[in-house]
Amino acid sequence: MAAYTIASGSEISIGAKSTVHAINGSAVDVDGSLDAELDGGGHVRSLAGRIDVPVAALRSGNPLEDAELQRRMDARRYPRIVGEVRKAVPLGDDGMFRVEGDVTFHGVTRAVEDTVFVRSEGDGLILEGEHIFDIRDFGVKPPRILMLRVDPMVKVRIRLVAELA
């Protein structure tokens, strides 16, 4: 297995819906590592890893939304979002993996299962995937302010750029 570190160009993006407009944000301050085994053709055969994202790094571009996001997520008390892969099973030779892992957010850890796509690029790796989370599963209540209601289902997309350590 080769060790990789998460590099610049990585991004975690979030998307939610409200009764008024879409709410989108992203974080490019992503830390972590991947361990992967590649075959002679450069195809990823096994995968493990961990990512760590500071809650304060999530930004929408709207200062009011950002302040409410930080407040709702209780960023001072729970400053980090952590994802860890427990098991990854290749779904063929095309770079798709069925991944099982844990996500810790807002002080709550939940098991997560979904698919990701991993490819080698030069000496590094690119990992991409998405998952829809119900924020209520993590003890976060969706905001309701007058006419504004935010859907508790949040789509999280990851794009990790990993360099050989």
N, C-alpha and C. Protein backbone atom coordinates (compact mmCIF):
# COMPACT_ATOMS: atom_id res chain seq x y z
N MET A 1 0.84 -1.18 0.00
CA MET A 1 0.00 0.00 0.00
C MET A 1 0.88 1.24 0.00
N ALA A 2 0.49 2.21 -0.77
CA ALA A 2 1.20 3.48 -0.81
C ALA A 2 0.40 4.51 -0.02
N ALA A 3 1.11 5.41 0.64
CA ALA A 3 0.47 6.46 1.44
C ALA A 3 0.40 7.75 0.63
N TYR A 4 -0.74 8.43 0.72
CA TYR A 4 -0.98 9.69 0.03
C TYR A 4 -1.49 10.71 1.04
N THR A 5 -1.17 11.98 0.81
CA THR A 5 -1.71 13.05 1.65
C THR A 5 -2.68 13.89 0.81
N ILE A 6 -3.71 14.38 1.47
CA ILE A 6 -4.69 15.23 0.79
C ILE A 6 -4.02 16.56 0.47
N ALA A 7 -4.17 17.00 -0.77
CA ALA A 7 -3.44 18.17 -1.27
C ALA A 7 -4.39 19.29 -1.68
N SER A 8 -3.79 20.42 -2.05
CA SER A 8 -4.60 21.54 -2.55
C SER A 8 -5.33 21.09 -3.81
N GLY A 9 -6.46 21.69 -4.04
CA GLY A 9 -7.32 21.27 -5.14
C GLY A 9 -8.45 20.38 -4.64
N SER A 10 -8.35 19.94 -3.38
CA SER A 10 -9.42 19.14 -2.77
C SER A 10 -10.54 20.07 -2.34
N GLU A 11 -11.76 19.56 -2.39
CA GLU A 11 -12.91 20.39 -2.00
C GLU A 11 -14.04 19.52 -1.48
N ILE A 12 -14.68 20.00 -0.45
CA ILE A 12 -15.91 19.41 0.07
C ILE A 12 -16.99 20.45 -0.19
N SER A 13 -18.05 20.09 -0.90
CA SER A 13 -19.12 21.04 -1.14
C SER A 13 -20.43 20.51 -0.57
N ILE A 14 -21.26 21.43 -0.15
CA ILE A 14 -22.56 21.07 0.42
C ILE A 14 -23.66 21.81 -0.32
N GLY A 15 -24.80 21.18 -0.41
CA GLY A 15 -25.95 21.80 -1.05
C GLY A 15 -27.22 21.42 -0.31
N ALA A 16 -28.03 22.42 -0.03
CA ALA A 16 -29.32 22.19 0.63
C ALA A 16 -30.36 23.08 -0.04
N LYS A 17 -31.61 22.75 0.18
CA LYS A 17 -32.71 23.54 -0.37
C LYS A 17 -33.45 24.22 0.77
N SER A 18 -33.98 25.39 0.45
CA SER A 18 -34.84 26.08 1.40
C SER A 18 -36.08 26.55 0.65
N THR A 19 -37.03 27.07 1.39
CA THR A 19 -38.24 27.58 0.75
C THR A 19 -37.98 28.86 -0.03
N VAL A 20 -36.82 29.48 0.18
CA VAL A 20 -36.49 30.74 -0.49
C VAL A 20 -35.50 30.53 -1.63
N HIS A 21 -34.43 29.80 -1.39
CA HIS A 21 -33.39 29.61 -2.40
C HIS A 21 -32.51 28.43 -2.03
N ALA A 22 -31.67 28.04 -2.97
CA ALA A 22 -30.70 26.98 -2.70
C ALA A 22 -29.60 27.52 -1.78
N ILE A 23 -29.07 26.66 -0.95
CA ILE A 23 -27.97 27.03 -0.06
C ILE A 23 -26.79 26.15 -0.43
N ASN A 24 -25.71 26.78 -0.85
CA ASN A 24 -24.52 26.04 -1.27
C ASN A 24 -23.31 26.58 -0.54
N GLY A 25 -22.38 25.70 -0.26
CA GLY A 25 -21.14 26.10 0.39
C GLY A 25 -20.05 25.11 0.07
N SER A 26 -18.84 25.48 0.43
CA SER A 26 -17.73 24.56 0.20
C SER A 26 -16.59 24.87 1.16
N ALA A 27 -15.71 23.89 1.25
CA ALA A 27 -14.48 24.04 2.04
C ALA A 27 -13.34 23.48 1.22
N VAL A 28 -12.26 24.24 1.15
CA VAL A 28 -11.06 23.77 0.44
C VAL A 28 -9.94 23.46 1.43
N ASP A 29 -10.18 23.73 2.69
CA ASP A 29 -9.21 23.43 3.74
C ASP A 29 -9.49 22.01 4.24
N VAL A 30 -9.01 21.02 3.49
CA VAL A 30 -9.26 19.62 3.78
C VAL A 30 -7.93 18.96 4.12
N ASP A 31 -7.90 18.25 5.23
CA ASP A 31 -6.70 17.55 5.66
C ASP A 31 -7.00 16.06 5.68
N GLY A 32 -5.98 15.24 5.58
CA GLY A 32 -6.20 13.81 5.68
C GLY A 32 -5.21 13.01 4.88
N SER A 33 -5.53 11.74 4.74
CA SER A 33 -4.64 10.83 4.02
C SER A 33 -5.43 9.70 3.39
N LEU A 34 -4.85 9.11 2.37
CA LEU A 34 -5.38 7.92 1.73
C LEU A 34 -4.27 6.89 1.66
N ASP A 35 -4.64 5.64 1.77
CA ASP A 35 -3.73 4.53 1.53
C ASP A 35 -4.34 3.73 0.39
N ALA A 36 -3.56 3.47 -0.63
CA ALA A 36 -4.10 2.76 -1.78
C ALA A 36 -3.06 1.80 -2.35
N GLU A 37 -3.58 0.73 -2.91
CA GLU A 37 -2.75 -0.23 -3.62
C GLU A 37 -3.15 -0.18 -5.08
N LEU A 38 -2.16 0.02 -5.95
CA LEU A 38 -2.41 0.09 -7.38
C LEU A 38 -1.83 -1.14 -8.06
N ASP A 39 -2.48 -1.59 -9.13
CA ASP A 39 -1.92 -2.70 -9.90
C ASP A 39 -0.93 -2.15 -10.92
N GLY A 40 -0.34 -3.00 -11.72
CA GLY A 40 0.66 -2.58 -12.71
C GLY A 40 0.13 -1.63 -13.75
N GLY A 41 -1.20 -1.63 -13.97
CA GLY A 41 -1.80 -0.73 -14.95
C GLY A 41 -2.25 0.60 -14.36
N GLY A 42 -1.94 0.83 -13.09
CA GLY A 42 -2.31 2.09 -12.45
C GLY A 42 -3.73 2.14 -11.91
N HIS A 43 -4.42 0.99 -11.90
CA HIS A 43 -5.78 0.93 -11.36
C HIS A 43 -5.72 0.72 -9.85
N VAL A 44 -6.55 1.45 -9.14
CA VAL A 44 -6.62 1.32 -7.68
C VAL A 44 -7.33 0.01 -7.35
N ARG A 45 -6.69 -0.81 -6.51
CA ARG A 45 -7.23 -2.12 -6.13
C ARG A 45 -7.75 -2.16 -4.69
N SER A 46 -7.15 -1.37 -3.82
CA SER A 46 -7.64 -1.29 -2.44
C SER A 46 -7.47 0.13 -1.94
N LEU A 47 -8.27 0.49 -0.96
CA LEU A 47 -8.36 1.89 -0.54
C LEU A 47 -8.73 1.98 0.93
N ALA A 48 -8.10 2.91 1.62
CA ALA A 48 -8.45 3.27 3.00
C ALA A 48 -8.15 4.75 3.14
N GLY A 49 -8.70 5.39 4.16
CA GLY A 49 -8.37 6.80 4.32
C GLY A 49 -9.16 7.49 5.41
N ARG A 50 -8.78 8.75 5.60
CA ARG A 50 -9.40 9.59 6.62
C ARG A 50 -9.31 11.04 6.15
N ILE A 51 -10.40 11.79 6.32
CA ILE A 51 -10.36 13.22 6.02
C ILE A 51 -10.86 13.99 7.23
N ASP A 52 -10.39 15.22 7.32
CA ASP A 52 -10.69 16.10 8.45
C ASP A 52 -10.93 17.49 7.89
N VAL A 53 -12.12 18.04 8.16
CA VAL A 53 -12.49 19.35 7.62
C VAL A 53 -12.88 20.27 8.78
N PRO A 54 -12.23 21.43 8.91
CA PRO A 54 -12.66 22.38 9.93
C PRO A 54 -14.04 22.96 9.57
N VAL A 55 -14.96 22.94 10.50
CA VAL A 55 -16.29 23.49 10.26
C VAL A 55 -16.17 24.96 9.85
N ALA A 56 -15.23 25.68 10.44
CA ALA A 56 -15.04 27.10 10.12
C ALA A 56 -14.64 27.33 8.67
N ALA A 57 -14.16 26.28 7.99
CA ALA A 57 -13.74 26.43 6.60
C ALA A 57 -14.91 26.41 5.63
N LEU A 58 -16.10 25.98 6.07
CA LEU A 58 -17.27 25.95 5.19
C LEU A 58 -17.77 27.36 4.94
N ARG A 59 -17.83 27.74 3.68
CA ARG A 59 -18.24 29.09 3.29
C ARG A 59 -19.22 29.03 2.13
N SER A 60 -20.22 29.92 2.17
CA SER A 60 -21.21 30.00 1.10
C SER A 60 -21.00 31.21 0.21
N GLY A 61 -20.22 32.18 0.70
CA GLY A 61 -20.08 33.43 -0.01
C GLY A 61 -21.04 34.49 0.50
N ASN A 62 -21.98 34.10 1.35
CA ASN A 62 -22.94 35.02 1.95
C ASN A 62 -22.64 35.09 3.44
N PRO A 63 -22.15 36.23 3.94
CA PRO A 63 -21.76 36.33 5.35
C PRO A 63 -22.89 36.00 6.33
N LEU A 64 -24.13 36.36 6.00
CA LEU A 64 -25.25 36.05 6.89
C LEU A 64 -25.50 34.54 6.96
N GLU A 65 -25.48 33.88 5.80
CA GLU A 65 -25.65 32.43 5.77
C GLU A 65 -24.50 31.74 6.49
N ASP A 66 -23.28 32.26 6.28
CA ASP A 66 -22.11 31.66 6.93
C ASP A 66 -22.21 31.75 8.45
N ALA A 67 -22.64 32.89 8.95
CA ALA A 67 -22.77 33.06 10.40
C ALA A 67 -23.82 32.11 10.96
N GLU A 68 -24.94 31.97 10.26
CA GLU A 68 -26.00 31.05 10.71
C GLU A 68 -25.52 29.60 10.63
N LEU A 69 -24.80 29.27 9.58
CA LEU A 69 -24.25 27.92 9.43
C LEU A 69 -23.32 27.58 10.60
N GLN A 70 -22.43 28.50 10.92
CA GLN A 70 -21.49 28.27 12.02
C GLN A 70 -22.23 28.14 13.35
N ARG A 71 -23.27 28.94 13.53
CA ARG A 71 -24.05 28.88 14.76
C ARG A 71 -24.82 27.56 14.86
N ARG A 72 -25.48 27.17 13.77
CA ARG A 72 -26.25 25.93 13.75
C ARG A 72 -25.37 24.71 13.99
N MET A 73 -24.19 24.76 13.41
CA MET A 73 -23.28 23.62 13.52
C MET A 73 -22.48 23.66 14.82
N ASP A 74 -22.67 24.72 15.60
CA ASP A 74 -21.97 24.88 16.88
C ASP A 74 -20.47 24.67 16.68
N ALA A 75 -19.91 25.45 15.75
CA ALA A 75 -18.52 25.29 15.32
C ALA A 75 -17.51 25.44 16.45
N ARG A 76 -17.81 26.24 17.44
CA ARG A 76 -16.86 26.38 18.57
C ARG A 76 -16.79 25.11 19.40
N ARG A 77 -17.92 24.49 19.60
CA ARG A 77 -17.97 23.27 20.40
C ARG A 77 -17.56 22.03 19.60
N TYR A 78 -17.92 22.00 18.32
CA TYR A 78 -17.62 20.87 17.43
C TYR A 78 -16.89 21.40 16.20
N PRO A 79 -15.61 21.69 16.32
CA PRO A 79 -14.89 22.40 15.26
C PRO A 79 -14.52 21.57 14.03
N ARG A 80 -14.70 20.25 14.05
CA ARG A 80 -14.21 19.44 12.95
C ARG A 80 -15.27 18.44 12.47
N ILE A 81 -15.20 18.14 11.19
CA ILE A 81 -15.98 17.06 10.58
C ILE A 81 -14.95 16.03 10.13
N VAL A 82 -15.14 14.78 10.54
CA VAL A 82 -14.17 13.74 10.23
C VAL A 82 -14.86 12.59 9.52
N GLY A 83 -14.24 12.12 8.45
CA GLY A 83 -14.72 10.94 7.74
C GLY A 83 -13.62 9.90 7.69
N GLU A 84 -13.99 8.65 7.94
CA GLU A 84 -13.00 7.58 7.96
C GLU A 84 -13.55 6.36 7.23
N VAL A 85 -12.75 5.82 6.32
CA VAL A 85 -13.13 4.62 5.57
C VAL A 85 -12.77 3.39 6.40
N ARG A 86 -13.76 2.52 6.63
CA ARG A 86 -13.53 1.25 7.32
C ARG A 86 -13.31 0.12 6.34
N LYS A 87 -14.01 0.18 5.21
CA LYS A 87 -13.95 -0.89 4.22
C LYS A 87 -14.23 -0.31 2.84
N ALA A 88 -13.48 -0.76 1.85
CA ALA A 88 -13.71 -0.33 0.47
C ALA A 88 -13.60 -1.56 -0.43
N VAL A 89 -14.64 -1.80 -1.20
CA VAL A 89 -14.69 -2.97 -2.08
C VAL A 89 -14.78 -2.48 -3.51
N PRO A 90 -13.81 -2.88 -4.37
CA PRO A 90 -13.90 -2.47 -5.78
C PRO A 90 -15.13 -3.09 -6.44
N LEU A 91 -15.78 -2.32 -7.28
CA LEU A 91 -16.98 -2.79 -7.98
C LEU A 91 -16.67 -3.20 -9.42
N GLY A 92 -15.42 -3.39 -9.72
CA GLY A 92 -14.98 -3.74 -11.07
C GLY A 92 -13.63 -3.11 -11.33
N ASP A 93 -13.31 -2.92 -12.60
CA ASP A 93 -12.02 -2.36 -12.98
C ASP A 93 -12.09 -0.89 -13.36
N ASP A 94 -13.24 -0.25 -13.13
CA ASP A 94 -13.42 1.13 -13.60
C ASP A 94 -13.16 2.19 -12.53
N GLY A 95 -12.67 1.80 -11.35
CA GLY A 95 -12.37 2.77 -10.30
C GLY A 95 -13.49 3.02 -9.32
N MET A 96 -14.63 2.35 -9.50
CA MET A 96 -15.74 2.51 -8.56
C MET A 96 -15.53 1.59 -7.36
N PHE A 97 -15.78 2.15 -6.17
CA PHE A 97 -15.66 1.39 -4.92
C PHE A 97 -16.93 1.56 -4.10
N ARG A 98 -17.34 0.50 -3.45
CA ARG A 98 -18.38 0.57 -2.43
C ARG A 98 -17.65 0.82 -1.12
N VAL A 99 -17.93 1.95 -0.48
CA VAL A 99 -17.18 2.36 0.70
C VAL A 99 -18.09 2.33 1.92
N GLU A 100 -17.57 1.78 3.00
CA GLU A 100 -18.24 1.82 4.30
C GLU A 100 -17.32 2.57 5.25
N GLY A 101 -17.91 3.47 6.02
CA GLY A 101 -17.09 4.24 6.94
C GLY A 101 -17.92 4.94 7.98
N ASP A 102 -17.28 5.86 8.66
CA ASP A 102 -17.93 6.64 9.71
C ASP A 102 -17.71 8.12 9.45
N VAL A 103 -18.75 8.89 9.71
CA VAL A 103 -18.66 10.35 9.65
C VAL A 103 -19.00 10.88 11.04
N THR A 104 -18.12 11.73 11.56
CA THR A 104 -18.36 12.38 12.84
C THR A 104 -18.59 13.87 12.58
N PHE A 105 -19.76 14.33 12.99
CA PHE A 105 -20.18 15.71 12.77
C PHE A 105 -21.04 16.12 13.96
N HIS A 106 -20.80 17.30 14.47
CA HIS A 106 -21.60 17.84 15.57
C HIS A 106 -21.56 16.91 16.78
N GLY A 107 -20.42 16.23 16.97
CA GLY A 107 -20.24 15.35 18.12
C GLY A 107 -20.90 13.99 18.01
N VAL A 108 -21.46 13.68 16.84
CA VAL A 108 -22.17 12.42 16.62
C VAL A 108 -21.48 11.66 15.50
N THR A 109 -21.26 10.37 15.71
CA THR A 109 -20.66 9.52 14.68
C THR A 109 -21.73 8.60 14.11
N ARG A 110 -21.81 8.57 12.78
CA ARG A 110 -22.78 7.72 12.08
C ARG A 110 -22.07 6.90 11.01
N ALA A 111 -22.53 5.67 10.84
CA ALA A 111 -22.02 4.82 9.76
C ALA A 111 -22.59 5.32 8.44
N VAL A 112 -21.77 5.28 7.41
CA VAL A 112 -22.16 5.73 6.07
C VAL A 112 -21.70 4.70 5.06
N GLU A 113 -22.51 4.49 4.03
CA GLU A 113 -22.15 3.57 2.97
C GLU A 113 -22.58 4.19 1.64
N ASP A 114 -21.67 4.20 0.67
CA ASP A 114 -21.99 4.75 -0.64
C ASP A 114 -20.88 4.35 -1.62
N THR A 115 -20.94 4.89 -2.83
CA THR A 115 -19.90 4.60 -3.82
C THR A 115 -19.04 5.83 -4.04
N VAL A 116 -17.78 5.59 -4.37
CA VAL A 116 -16.85 6.65 -4.76
C VAL A 116 -16.11 6.18 -6.00
N PHE A 117 -15.58 7.14 -6.73
CA PHE A 117 -14.77 6.87 -7.91
C PHE A 117 -13.34 7.31 -7.61
N VAL A 118 -12.38 6.43 -7.86
CA VAL A 118 -10.98 6.74 -7.60
C VAL A 118 -10.18 6.44 -8.86
N ARG A 119 -9.31 7.38 -9.22
CA ARG A 119 -8.43 7.14 -10.37
C ARG A 119 -7.03 7.66 -10.04
N SER A 120 -6.05 7.04 -10.65
CA SER A 120 -4.69 7.54 -10.48
C SER A 120 -4.46 8.63 -11.52
N GLU A 121 -3.69 9.63 -11.13
CA GLU A 121 -3.36 10.73 -12.03
C GLU A 121 -1.92 11.12 -11.74
N GLY A 122 -1.02 10.79 -12.65
CA GLY A 122 0.40 11.00 -12.39
C GLY A 122 0.82 10.15 -11.21
N ASP A 123 1.47 10.78 -10.23
CA ASP A 123 1.86 10.07 -9.01
C ASP A 123 0.79 10.15 -7.92
N GLY A 124 -0.34 10.75 -8.23
CA GLY A 124 -1.37 10.97 -7.22
C GLY A 124 -2.66 10.25 -7.52
N LEU A 125 -3.66 10.58 -6.73
CA LEU A 125 -5.00 10.00 -6.86
C LEU A 125 -6.04 11.11 -6.84
N ILE A 126 -7.15 10.85 -7.51
CA ILE A 126 -8.33 11.71 -7.44
C ILE A 126 -9.47 10.82 -6.95
N LEU A 127 -10.16 11.26 -5.90
CA LEU A 127 -11.31 10.53 -5.37
C LEU A 127 -12.51 11.46 -5.42
N GLU A 128 -13.62 10.96 -5.95
CA GLU A 128 -14.83 11.76 -6.04
C GLU A 128 -16.04 10.94 -5.60
N GLY A 129 -16.95 11.61 -4.93
CA GLY A 129 -18.17 10.94 -4.51
C GLY A 129 -19.15 11.92 -3.91
N GLU A 130 -20.35 11.43 -3.62
CA GLU A 130 -21.35 12.27 -2.98
C GLU A 130 -22.27 11.40 -2.14
N HIS A 131 -22.87 12.03 -1.16
CA HIS A 131 -23.80 11.33 -0.28
C HIS A 131 -24.81 12.35 0.24
N ILE A 132 -26.03 11.92 0.44
CA ILE A 132 -27.06 12.80 1.01
C ILE A 132 -27.22 12.42 2.48
N PHE A 133 -27.05 13.42 3.34
CA PHE A 133 -27.16 13.25 4.78
C PHE A 133 -28.41 13.95 5.29
N ASP A 134 -29.05 13.37 6.29
CA ASP A 134 -30.12 14.03 7.02
C ASP A 134 -29.46 14.63 8.26
N ILE A 135 -29.36 15.95 8.32
CA ILE A 135 -28.62 16.59 9.42
C ILE A 135 -29.25 16.32 10.78
N ARG A 136 -30.52 15.93 10.80
CA ARG A 136 -31.16 15.60 12.07
C ARG A 136 -30.53 14.35 12.69
N ASP A 137 -29.96 13.47 11.85
CA ASP A 137 -29.27 12.28 12.36
C ASP A 137 -28.05 12.65 13.20
N PHE A 138 -27.56 13.87 13.04
CA PHE A 138 -26.40 14.35 13.78
C PHE A 138 -26.78 15.35 14.87
N GLY A 139 -28.07 15.44 15.17
CA GLY A 139 -28.52 16.32 16.23
C GLY A 139 -28.61 17.78 15.84
N VAL A 140 -28.65 18.07 14.54
CA VAL A 140 -28.74 19.46 14.07
C VAL A 140 -30.16 19.70 13.57
N LYS A 141 -30.80 20.73 14.10
CA LYS A 141 -32.14 21.09 13.67
C LYS A 141 -32.05 22.06 12.50
N PRO A 142 -32.79 21.78 11.42
CA PRO A 142 -32.77 22.72 10.29
C PRO A 142 -33.38 24.06 10.69
N PRO A 143 -32.81 25.15 10.19
CA PRO A 143 -33.33 26.48 10.54
C PRO A 143 -34.76 26.69 10.03
N ARG A 144 -35.54 27.40 10.82
CA ARG A 144 -36.88 27.85 10.44
C ARG A 144 -37.01 29.27 10.95
N ILE A 145 -36.95 30.22 10.03
CA ILE A 145 -37.04 31.63 10.40
C ILE A 145 -38.15 32.26 9.55
N LEU A 146 -39.25 32.63 10.17
CA LEU A 146 -40.41 33.18 9.48
C LEU A 146 -40.81 32.27 8.32
N MET A 147 -40.68 32.74 7.09
CA MET A 147 -41.07 31.95 5.92
C MET A 147 -39.97 31.00 5.45
N LEU A 148 -38.77 31.17 5.96
CA LEU A 148 -37.64 30.35 5.51
C LEU A 148 -37.60 29.03 6.27
N ARG A 149 -37.64 27.96 5.51
CA ARG A 149 -37.45 26.64 6.08
C ARG A 149 -36.37 25.95 5.25
N VAL A 150 -35.43 25.32 5.95
CA VAL A 150 -34.34 24.63 5.27
C VAL A 150 -34.60 23.13 5.34
N ASP A 151 -34.49 22.47 4.20
CA ASP A 151 -34.66 21.02 4.12
C ASP A 151 -33.53 20.34 4.90
N PRO A 152 -33.83 19.33 5.70
CA PRO A 152 -32.78 18.67 6.48
C PRO A 152 -31.86 17.78 5.65
N MET A 153 -32.23 17.50 4.41
CA MET A 153 -31.41 16.65 3.56
C MET A 153 -30.34 17.51 2.87
N VAL A 154 -29.08 17.17 3.11
CA VAL A 154 -27.96 17.95 2.59
C VAL A 154 -27.09 17.04 1.73
N LYS A 155 -26.84 17.48 0.50
CA LYS A 155 -25.96 16.72 -0.39
C LYS A 155 -24.52 17.18 -0.17
N VAL A 156 -23.66 16.23 0.12
CA VAL A 156 -22.24 16.51 0.32
C VAL A 156 -21.47 15.85 -0.81
N ARG A 157 -20.66 16.64 -1.49
CA ARG A 157 -19.80 16.13 -2.57
C ARG A 157 -18.35 16.28 -2.14
N ILE A 158 -17.57 15.25 -2.45
CA ILE A 158 -16.15 15.33 -2.14
C ILE A 158 -15.34 15.16 -3.41
N ARG A 159 -14.29 15.93 -3.49
CA ARG A 159 -13.29 15.77 -4.54
C ARG A 159 -11.95 15.91 -3.84
N LEU A 160 -11.27 14.78 -3.70
CA LEU A 160 -9.99 14.78 -3.02
C LEU A 160 -8.86 14.61 -4.01
N VAL A 161 -7.88 15.46 -3.90
CA VAL A 161 -6.65 15.35 -4.67
C VAL A 161 -5.60 14.87 -3.68
N ALA A 162 -4.99 13.73 -3.97
CA ALA A 162 -4.02 13.15 -3.04
C ALA A 162 -2.68 13.00 -3.73
N GLU A 163 -1.63 13.42 -3.02
CA GLU A 163 -0.26 13.32 -3.53
C GLU A 163 0.47 12.22 -2.78
N LEU A 164 1.36 11.54 -3.48
CA LEU A 164 2.18 10.51 -2.86
C LEU A 164 2.96 11.12 -1.70
N ALA A 165 2.86 10.49 -0.54
CA ALA A 165 3.52 11.03 0.67
C ALA A 165 5.02 10.79 0.62
